[in-house]
Protein backbone atom coordinates (compact mmCIF):
# COMPACT_ATOMS: atom_id res chain seq x y z
CA UNK A 1 0.00 0.00 0.00
CA UNK A 2 1.18 3.57 -0.64
CA UNK A 3 2.92 6.00 1.71
CA UNK A 4 2.16 9.56 0.56
CA UNK A 5 3.17 12.99 1.82
CA UNK A 6 1.16 16.03 0.76
CA UNK A 7 2.58 19.51 1.19
CA UNK A 8 0.57 22.63 0.48
CA UNK A 9 0.15 26.25 1.51
CA UNK A 10 -3.22 26.93 3.10
CA UNK A 11 -6.24 27.43 0.87
CA UNK A 12 -5.44 24.87 -1.86
CA UNK A 13 -8.18 22.38 -0.87
CA UNK A 14 -5.41 20.17 0.46
CA UNK A 15 -7.55 18.53 3.15
CA UNK A 16 -10.36 17.70 0.75
CA UNK A 17 -7.98 16.23 -1.82
CA UNK A 18 -6.05 14.23 0.78
CA UNK A 19 -9.26 12.84 2.29
CA UNK A 20 -10.59 11.62 -1.07
CA UNK A 21 -7.21 10.12 -2.03
CA UNK A 22 -6.82 8.31 1.31
CA UNK A 23 -10.35 6.95 1.15
CA UNK A 24 -9.87 5.78 -2.44
CA UNK A 25 -6.61 4.02 -1.58
CA UNK A 26 -7.99 2.52 1.62
CA UNK A 27 -5.35 4.07 3.89
CA UNK A 28 -5.32 6.34 6.95
CA UNK A 29 -5.00 10.10 6.63
CA UNK A 30 -2.70 11.81 9.14
CA UNK A 31 -3.72 15.43 9.55
CA UNK A 32 -2.93 17.62 12.59
CA UNK A 33 -5.49 15.96 14.86
CA UNK A 34 -4.47 12.41 13.90
CA UNK A 35 -0.78 13.19 14.40
CA UNK A 36 -1.57 14.69 17.79
CA UNK A 37 -3.49 11.55 18.70
CA UNK A 38 -0.49 9.46 17.65
CA UNK A 39 1.75 11.59 19.86
CA UNK A 40 -0.50 10.90 22.85
CA UNK A 41 -0.31 7.16 22.19
CA UNK A 42 3.49 7.43 22.05
CA UNK A 43 3.52 9.05 25.49
CA UNK A 44 5.18 12.25 24.32
CA UNK A 45 5.27 15.58 26.18
CA UNK A 46 1.99 16.74 24.70
CA UNK A 47 2.03 20.16 26.39
CA UNK A 48 4.42 21.13 23.59
CA UNK A 49 2.18 19.74 20.84
CA UNK A 50 -1.40 20.33 21.96
CA UNK A 51 -1.47 23.86 20.52
CA UNK A 52 -0.53 22.75 17.03
CA UNK A 53 -4.12 22.48 15.79
CA UNK A 54 -5.18 25.85 17.20
CA UNK A 55 -5.02 29.30 15.52
CA UNK A 56 -1.76 31.18 16.03
CA UNK A 57 0.30 28.00 16.39
CA UNK A 58 3.15 29.11 14.12
CA UNK A 59 3.47 32.43 15.94
CA UNK A 60 3.83 30.67 19.28
CA UNK A 61 6.16 28.05 17.86
CA UNK A 62 8.58 30.50 16.27
CA UNK A 63 8.70 32.52 19.47
CA UNK A 64 9.22 29.62 21.89
CA UNK A 65 10.92 26.23 21.42
CA UNK A 66 10.98 25.33 17.72
CA UNK A 67 13.65 22.61 18.01
CA UNK A 68 11.74 20.81 20.77
CA UNK A 69 8.55 20.89 18.70
CA UNK A 70 10.35 19.68 15.58
CA UNK A 71 12.01 16.76 17.38
CA UNK A 72 8.64 15.64 18.74
CA UNK A 73 6.85 16.05 15.40
CA UNK A 74 9.67 14.29 13.53
CA UNK A 75 9.35 11.39 15.94
CA UNK A 76 5.60 11.18 15.29
CA UNK A 77 5.99 11.33 11.49
CA UNK A 78 8.59 8.55 11.54
CA UNK A 79 6.39 6.46 13.85
CA UNK A 80 3.41 6.88 11.50
CA UNK A 81 5.59 5.99 8.51
CA UNK A 82 6.61 2.69 10.12
CA UNK A 83 3.23 1.35 9.01
CA UNK A 84 4.43 1.69 5.43
CA UNK A 85 1.19 3.27 4.26
CA UNK A 86 -0.97 6.33 4.78
CA UNK A 87 -1.34 9.96 3.68
CA UNK A 88 0.63 12.43 5.81
CA UNK A 89 -0.29 16.10 5.58
CA UNK A 90 2.60 18.54 5.99
CA UNK A 91 4.93 18.87 9.00
CA UNK A 92 8.04 18.48 6.87
CA UNK A 93 7.16 14.88 6.01
CA UNK A 94 8.44 15.35 2.44
CA UNK A 95 11.89 16.13 3.86
CA UNK A 96 11.87 13.57 6.64
CA UNK A 97 11.02 10.76 4.20
CA UNK A 98 12.95 12.04 1.18
CA UNK A 99 15.49 9.19 1.33
CA UNK A 100 12.83 6.48 1.29
CA UNK A 101 11.90 5.33 -2.23
CA UNK A 102 8.61 3.93 -0.98
CA UNK A 103 7.15 7.40 -0.31
CA UNK A 104 5.35 9.48 -2.94
CA UNK A 105 5.82 13.21 -2.31
CA UNK A 106 3.08 15.53 -3.58
CA UNK A 107 3.03 19.33 -3.67
CA UNK A 108 -0.21 21.23 -4.17
CA UNK A 109 -0.35 24.92 -5.03
CA UNK A 110 -2.66 27.60 -6.42
CA UNK A 111 -2.51 31.34 -7.17
CA UNK A 112 -3.20 33.64 -4.24
CA UNK A 113 -6.50 34.77 -5.79
CA UNK A 114 -7.75 31.17 -5.85
CA UNK A 115 -6.67 30.65 -2.25
CA UNK A 116 -8.37 33.86 -1.16
CA UNK A 117 -11.57 32.68 -2.83
CA UNK A 118 -11.42 29.51 -0.73
CA UNK A 119 -11.32 31.54 2.49
CA UNK A 120 -13.93 34.09 1.48
CA UNK A 121 -16.45 31.61 0.09
CA UNK A 122 -15.92 28.58 2.33
CA UNK A 123 -14.65 30.16 5.56
CA UNK A 124 -16.51 33.47 5.47
CA UNK A 125 -13.46 35.75 5.70
CA UNK A 126 -13.29 39.17 4.08
CA UNK A 127 -10.89 39.58 1.17
CA UNK A 128 -8.57 41.69 3.28
CA UNK A 129 -8.51 39.16 6.13
CA UNK A 130 -7.96 36.28 3.71
CA UNK A 131 -5.07 38.08 2.03
CA UNK A 132 -3.36 38.90 5.32
CA UNK A 133 -3.86 35.36 6.64
CA UNK A 134 -2.29 33.81 3.54
CA UNK A 135 0.68 36.19 3.56
CA UNK A 136 1.36 35.66 7.26
CA UNK A 137 1.12 31.86 7.26
CA UNK A 138 3.20 31.59 4.07
CA UNK A 139 5.96 33.74 5.57
CA UNK A 140 5.97 31.92 8.91
CA UNK A 141 5.96 28.47 7.35
CA UNK A 142 8.78 29.32 4.94
CA UNK A 143 10.82 30.56 7.89
CA UNK A 144 10.18 27.44 9.95
CA UNK A 145 10.90 25.12 7.03
CA UNK A 146 14.14 26.92 6.19
CA UNK A 147 15.22 26.81 9.84
CA UNK A 148 14.47 23.10 10.10
CA UNK A 149 15.76 21.87 6.74
CA UNK A 150 17.69 24.69 5.06
CA UNK A 151 15.34 24.58 2.07
CA UNK A 152 12.16 26.30 0.91
CA UNK A 153 8.97 24.20 0.82
CA UNK A 154 8.20 25.23 -2.77
CA UNK A 155 11.45 23.69 -4.10
CA UNK A 156 10.22 21.39 -6.93
CA UNK A 157 13.12 18.97 -6.42
CA UNK A 158 11.49 17.83 -3.16
CA UNK A 159 8.47 16.37 -4.93
CA UNK A 160 7.50 13.56 -7.28
CA UNK A 161 4.22 15.20 -8.26
CA UNK A 162 3.16 18.87 -8.33
CA UNK A 163 -0.54 19.75 -8.74
CA UNK A 164 -2.01 23.15 -9.54
CA UNK A 165 -5.48 23.04 -7.97
CA UNK A 166 -6.48 26.12 -9.96
CA UNK A 167 -6.54 23.96 -13.08
CA UNK A 168 -8.67 21.05 -11.85
CA UNK A 169 -11.36 19.93 -9.46
CA UNK A 170 -10.71 18.38 -6.07
CA UNK A 171 -11.81 14.99 -7.42
CA UNK A 172 -9.42 15.22 -10.38
CA UNK A 173 -6.49 16.16 -8.16
CA UNK A 174 -7.25 13.24 -5.84
CA UNK A 175 -7.47 10.82 -8.79
CA UNK A 176 -4.07 11.95 -10.08
CA UNK A 177 -2.53 11.21 -6.67
CA UNK A 178 -4.24 7.82 -6.47
CA UNK A 179 -3.09 6.85 -9.96
CA UNK A 180 0.49 7.91 -9.18
CA UNK A 181 0.47 5.97 -5.92
CA UNK A 182 -0.56 2.81 -7.77
CA UNK A 183 2.31 3.11 -10.22
CA UNK A 184 4.76 0.20 -10.40
CA UNK A 185 7.55 2.74 -9.84
CA UNK A 186 6.31 3.41 -6.29
CA UNK A 187 7.76 0.58 -4.25
CA UNK A 188 6.48 -0.92 -1.04
CA UNK A 189 8.49 0.06 2.01
CA UNK A 190 11.11 -2.62 2.65
CA UNK A 191 11.71 -4.07 6.10
CA UNK A 192 14.99 -2.15 6.14
CA UNK A 193 13.21 1.13 5.46
CA UNK A 194 10.62 0.48 8.16
CA UNK A 195 13.39 -0.36 10.64
CA UNK A 196 15.20 2.88 9.76
CA UNK A 197 12.00 4.84 10.39
CA UNK A 198 11.66 3.16 13.80
CA UNK A 199 15.22 4.11 14.75
CA UNK A 200 14.77 7.70 13.59
CA UNK A 201 11.55 7.97 15.60
CA UNK A 202 13.28 6.81 18.77
CA UNK A 203 16.27 9.06 18.17
CA UNK A 204 14.07 12.14 17.79
CA UNK A 205 12.06 11.15 20.86
CA UNK A 206 15.23 10.99 22.97
CA UNK A 207 16.53 14.33 21.67
CA UNK A 208 13.20 15.97 22.46
CA UNK A 209 13.24 14.54 26.00
CA UNK A 210 16.74 15.93 26.57
CA UNK A 211 15.70 19.38 25.39
CA UNK A 212 12.53 19.28 27.46
CA UNK A 213 14.71 18.64 30.52
CA UNK A 214 17.07 21.52 29.67
CA UNK A 215 19.85 19.25 28.42
CA UNK A 216 21.17 20.71 25.18
CA UNK A 217 22.12 17.84 22.86
CA UNK A 218 24.43 19.81 20.55
CA UNK A 219 27.47 18.13 22.11
CA UNK A 220 25.89 14.69 22.05
CA UNK A 221 25.57 12.03 19.38
CA UNK A 222 22.41 9.95 19.86
CA UNK A 223 22.16 6.63 18.01
CA UNK A 224 19.72 3.72 17.98
CA UNK A 225 21.58 0.55 16.89
CA UNK A 226 18.55 -1.68 17.53
CA UNK A 227 14.99 -1.19 18.75
CA UNK A 228 14.97 0.11 22.33
CA UNK A 229 18.76 0.46 22.70
CA UNK A 230 19.98 4.07 22.95
CA UNK A 231 23.67 4.95 22.62
CA UNK A 232 24.86 8.44 23.56
CA UNK A 233 28.39 9.69 22.92
CA UNK A 234 29.96 13.09 23.46
CA UNK A 235 31.14 15.66 25.99
CA UNK A 236 29.70 16.94 29.23
CA UNK A 237 31.04 18.76 32.29
CA UNK A 238 30.21 16.68 35.32
CA UNK A 239 29.17 13.23 36.45
CA UNK A 240 25.97 14.80 37.71
CA UNK A 241 24.95 15.80 34.19
CA UNK A 242 25.80 12.32 32.91
CA UNK A 243 23.50 10.85 35.58
CA UNK A 244 20.71 13.27 34.56
CA UNK A 245 21.08 12.30 30.89
CA UNK A 246 20.77 8.62 31.76
CA UNK A 247 17.71 9.18 33.97
CA UNK A 248 15.92 11.25 31.34
CA UNK A 249 16.53 8.77 28.52
CA UNK A 250 15.43 5.80 30.61
CA UNK A 251 12.06 7.49 31.09
CA UNK A 252 11.43 7.81 27.33
CA UNK A 253 8.71 5.34 26.22
CA UNK A 254 10.18 2.40 24.31
CA UNK A 255 13.71 2.67 25.72
CA UNK A 256 14.99 -0.63 27.11
CA UNK A 257 18.67 0.10 27.62
CA UNK A 258 20.94 3.18 27.70
CA UNK A 259 24.60 2.97 26.75
CA UNK A 260 26.68 6.05 27.52
CA UNK A 261 30.12 6.97 26.22
CA UNK A 262 30.38 10.44 27.70
CA UNK A 263 33.60 12.22 28.60
CA UNK A 264 33.79 14.82 31.35
CA UNK A 265 35.61 17.69 29.65
CA UNK A 266 38.00 20.10 31.39
CA UNK A 267 36.45 23.28 32.75
CA UNK A 268 38.67 25.27 30.37
CA UNK A 269 37.07 23.60 27.35
CA UNK A 270 34.89 26.01 25.41
CA UNK A 271 35.96 28.85 27.73
CA UNK A 272 34.16 27.23 30.62
CA UNK A 273 30.73 27.34 28.97
CA UNK A 274 28.73 24.21 29.72
CA UNK A 275 26.62 23.28 26.65
CA UNK A 276 24.56 20.94 28.85
CA UNK A 277 23.99 23.37 31.68
CA UNK A 278 20.69 23.44 33.50
CA UNK A 279 18.40 26.35 32.64
CA UNK A 280 16.33 27.22 35.68
């Protein structure tokens, strides 16, 4: 069965198209609410994710803890992808799964006038409000995407299929996606790919837990050699911090064993600045 990512700026009928495509292919659709539900099942720190389906989310995200959010969301996207099928809406899924041949990456777009019409006719906004909403969300999302991946979301090289919803109906756009997903060129996810997704999900979960507990992981290398085994290598500044790192990781759902190769660096290293210091 197909694994599909759909990326789109707001107002391109992306939800309607994704819903029809998922139903036609007989797979689950993972929108904001479904991804949030998955995060709850994974036992993640949901206080950092619960606002993601509410208005103003990007504003709050960009002004608070973007890396923590991204690590948690990356973990959820990889966990969802382990099923090897489904339609994932947004959240950088086209970048996170770009190295997996079994994923079909779709980009939807439309002129601003068409997008404004969607908000004025279907959401009841004035033209001025619709225009400002589109401009603001486009700018914020481009900034977040560039910060996370160093690319722009409209880069055509990130996609296998690009659809202009100004040129076709919702049903036609959904049919194009379904036909592409059934192509012999779209492979099923191999066991190796599914295992890699599992490891990436656990790695991101651990990094998010460290950040949530004020343990900066910039000086750490986190690896998942096998399911449930976490290896951490790098530098820190005291045995106390090493003990904290171990305690935090052991509390992450799914972790069975923690292997640490951490070196206590001299105080002089980095001019005495502790990259893993506690932030009270």
